[in-house]
Amino acid sequence: MEADIQLTAGQTVALSSTQEWDFFGDLRRRKPGLGLGELGALTVAHFQNAILVTNDRQARQAAEEFNLPVHGGLGVLEYAAEAARLSGQEAVTILEGMMQQGAWISDELVEIFRQRVLGSR
């Protein structure tokens, strides 16, 4: 789904040190269910003191094992609404589009999200 969001501060981070590649390889052996993207994101988060953003359960669990801060798509959308980068309704519309594309989010979490970004209705 297309959204009118521009990332002005994004950057590509390459793994460059032996220590980073060793961590990546060890993680790949220990967590074979993770894709290369999740492995790379976990490695970058670990070495750059960054927040991991993922909806992947296994990646979230791995982040927790390494005490890395982790947020999912709902957290990003909620923050975007709080920061007035999106209206509450735009955030809900994006969430609905994510779910139409196959993202599974419990009804309870969806309702909590709606209340937070739309306020009491």
Protein backbone atom coordinates (compact mmCIF):
# COMPACT_ATOMS: atom_id res chain seq x y z
CA MET A 1 0.00 0.00 0.00
CA GLU A 2 1.36 3.41 -0.87
CA ALA A 3 1.57 6.08 1.78
CA ASP A 4 2.59 9.69 1.54
CA ILE A 5 5.49 9.29 3.98
CA GLN A 6 8.97 10.47 3.18
CA LEU A 7 11.97 9.20 5.09
CA THR A 8 14.39 12.08 5.09
CA ALA A 9 16.90 10.70 7.57
CA GLY A 10 17.20 7.11 6.38
CA GLN A 11 20.55 5.63 5.53
CA THR A 12 22.00 2.38 4.28
CA VAL A 13 24.21 0.68 6.84
CA ALA A 14 26.70 -1.90 5.60
CA LEU A 15 28.24 -4.57 7.78
CA SER A 16 31.94 -3.87 7.63
CA SER A 17 33.79 -5.25 10.63
CA THR A 18 34.77 -8.84 11.31
CA GLN A 19 32.91 -8.55 14.61
CA GLU A 20 29.68 -7.60 12.81
CA TRP A 21 30.02 -10.43 10.29
CA ASP A 22 30.82 -12.92 13.06
CA PHE A 23 27.71 -11.84 14.96
CA PHE A 24 25.64 -12.12 11.77
CA GLY A 25 26.99 -15.64 11.06
CA ASP A 26 26.46 -16.82 14.63
CA LEU A 27 22.92 -15.45 14.61
CA ARG A 28 22.26 -17.15 11.27
CA ARG A 29 23.35 -20.52 12.70
CA ARG A 30 21.38 -20.07 15.92
CA LYS A 31 18.20 -18.71 14.29
CA PRO A 32 17.83 -20.55 10.96
CA GLY A 33 14.23 -19.39 10.54
CA LEU A 34 15.24 -15.76 10.18
CA GLY A 35 15.69 -14.26 6.73
CA LEU A 36 18.74 -12.31 5.65
CA GLY A 37 16.89 -9.02 6.16
CA GLU A 38 16.01 -9.81 9.76
CA LEU A 39 19.55 -11.06 10.44
CA GLY A 40 21.02 -7.89 9.01
CA ALA A 41 18.58 -5.65 10.87
CA LEU A 42 19.35 -7.42 14.15
CA THR A 43 23.07 -7.06 13.55
CA VAL A 44 22.79 -3.37 12.75
CA ALA A 45 20.55 -2.74 15.77
CA HIS A 46 23.05 -4.57 17.98
CA PHE A 47 26.13 -2.67 16.81
CA GLN A 48 24.55 0.74 16.18
CA ASN A 49 22.46 0.90 19.38
CA ALA A 50 19.40 1.21 17.19
CA ILE A 51 15.78 0.20 17.62
CA LEU A 52 14.75 -2.86 15.63
CA VAL A 53 11.47 -2.38 13.79
CA THR A 54 9.83 -5.65 12.84
CA ASN A 55 6.56 -7.53 13.00
CA ASP A 56 8.34 -10.87 12.74
CA ARG A 57 7.84 -12.86 15.95
CA GLN A 58 11.13 -14.75 15.73
CA ALA A 59 13.08 -11.54 15.07
CA ARG A 60 11.36 -9.88 18.04
CA GLN A 61 12.29 -12.82 20.25
CA ALA A 62 15.90 -12.68 19.07
CA ALA A 63 16.00 -8.94 19.79
CA GLU A 64 14.74 -9.57 23.29
CA GLU A 65 17.46 -12.19 23.84
CA PHE A 66 20.06 -9.49 23.08
CA ASN A 67 18.20 -6.81 25.07
CA LEU A 68 17.65 -4.77 21.92
CA PRO A 69 14.76 -2.32 21.86
CA VAL A 70 12.14 -3.50 19.38
CA HIS A 71 8.95 -2.01 17.98
CA GLY A 72 6.46 -3.22 15.42
CA GLY A 73 4.44 -1.60 12.70
CA LEU A 74 1.73 -0.51 15.12
CA GLY A 75 4.27 1.35 17.22
CA VAL A 76 5.66 3.13 14.17
CA LEU A 77 2.18 4.12 12.98
CA GLU A 78 1.20 5.31 16.45
CA TYR A 79 4.36 7.40 16.71
CA ALA A 80 3.73 8.88 13.25
CA ALA A 81 0.25 9.94 14.38
CA GLU A 82 1.58 11.34 17.67
CA ALA A 83 4.26 13.29 15.79
CA ALA A 84 1.59 14.60 13.38
CA ARG A 85 3.32 12.98 10.39
CA LEU A 86 0.04 11.14 9.75
CA SER A 87 -3.48 11.85 10.91
CA GLY A 88 -5.04 9.23 13.15
CA GLN A 89 -7.33 8.22 10.29
CA GLU A 90 -4.40 7.87 7.89
CA ALA A 91 -2.65 5.61 10.41
CA VAL A 92 -5.79 3.44 10.70
CA THR A 93 -6.10 3.30 6.90
CA ILE A 94 -2.48 2.13 6.56
CA LEU A 95 -3.06 -0.50 9.26
CA GLU A 96 -6.15 -1.75 7.46
CA GLY A 97 -4.13 -1.97 4.23
CA MET A 98 -1.42 -3.94 6.01
CA MET A 99 -4.03 -6.38 7.27
CA GLN A 100 -5.59 -6.69 3.81
CA GLN A 101 -2.14 -7.65 2.54
CA GLY A 102 -1.86 -10.45 5.09
CA ALA A 103 -0.53 -8.91 8.31
CA TRP A 104 -2.19 -10.56 11.28
CA ILE A 105 -2.91 -8.36 14.26
CA SER A 106 -5.32 -9.38 17.00
CA ASP A 107 -8.68 -7.64 17.20
CA GLU A 108 -7.76 -6.49 20.70
CA LEU A 109 -4.57 -4.76 19.51
CA VAL A 110 -6.37 -3.18 16.57
CA GLU A 111 -9.01 -1.75 18.91
CA ILE A 112 -6.40 -0.41 21.34
CA PHE A 113 -4.53 1.15 18.40
CA ARG A 114 -7.71 2.78 17.07
CA GLN A 115 -8.50 4.26 20.47
CA ARG A 116 -4.98 5.63 20.84
CA VAL A 117 -4.74 7.28 17.43
CA LEU A 118 -8.35 8.33 17.01
CA GLY A 119 -9.08 9.17 20.63
CA SER A 120 -12.31 8.36 22.42
CA ARG A 121 -15.13 8.09 19.94
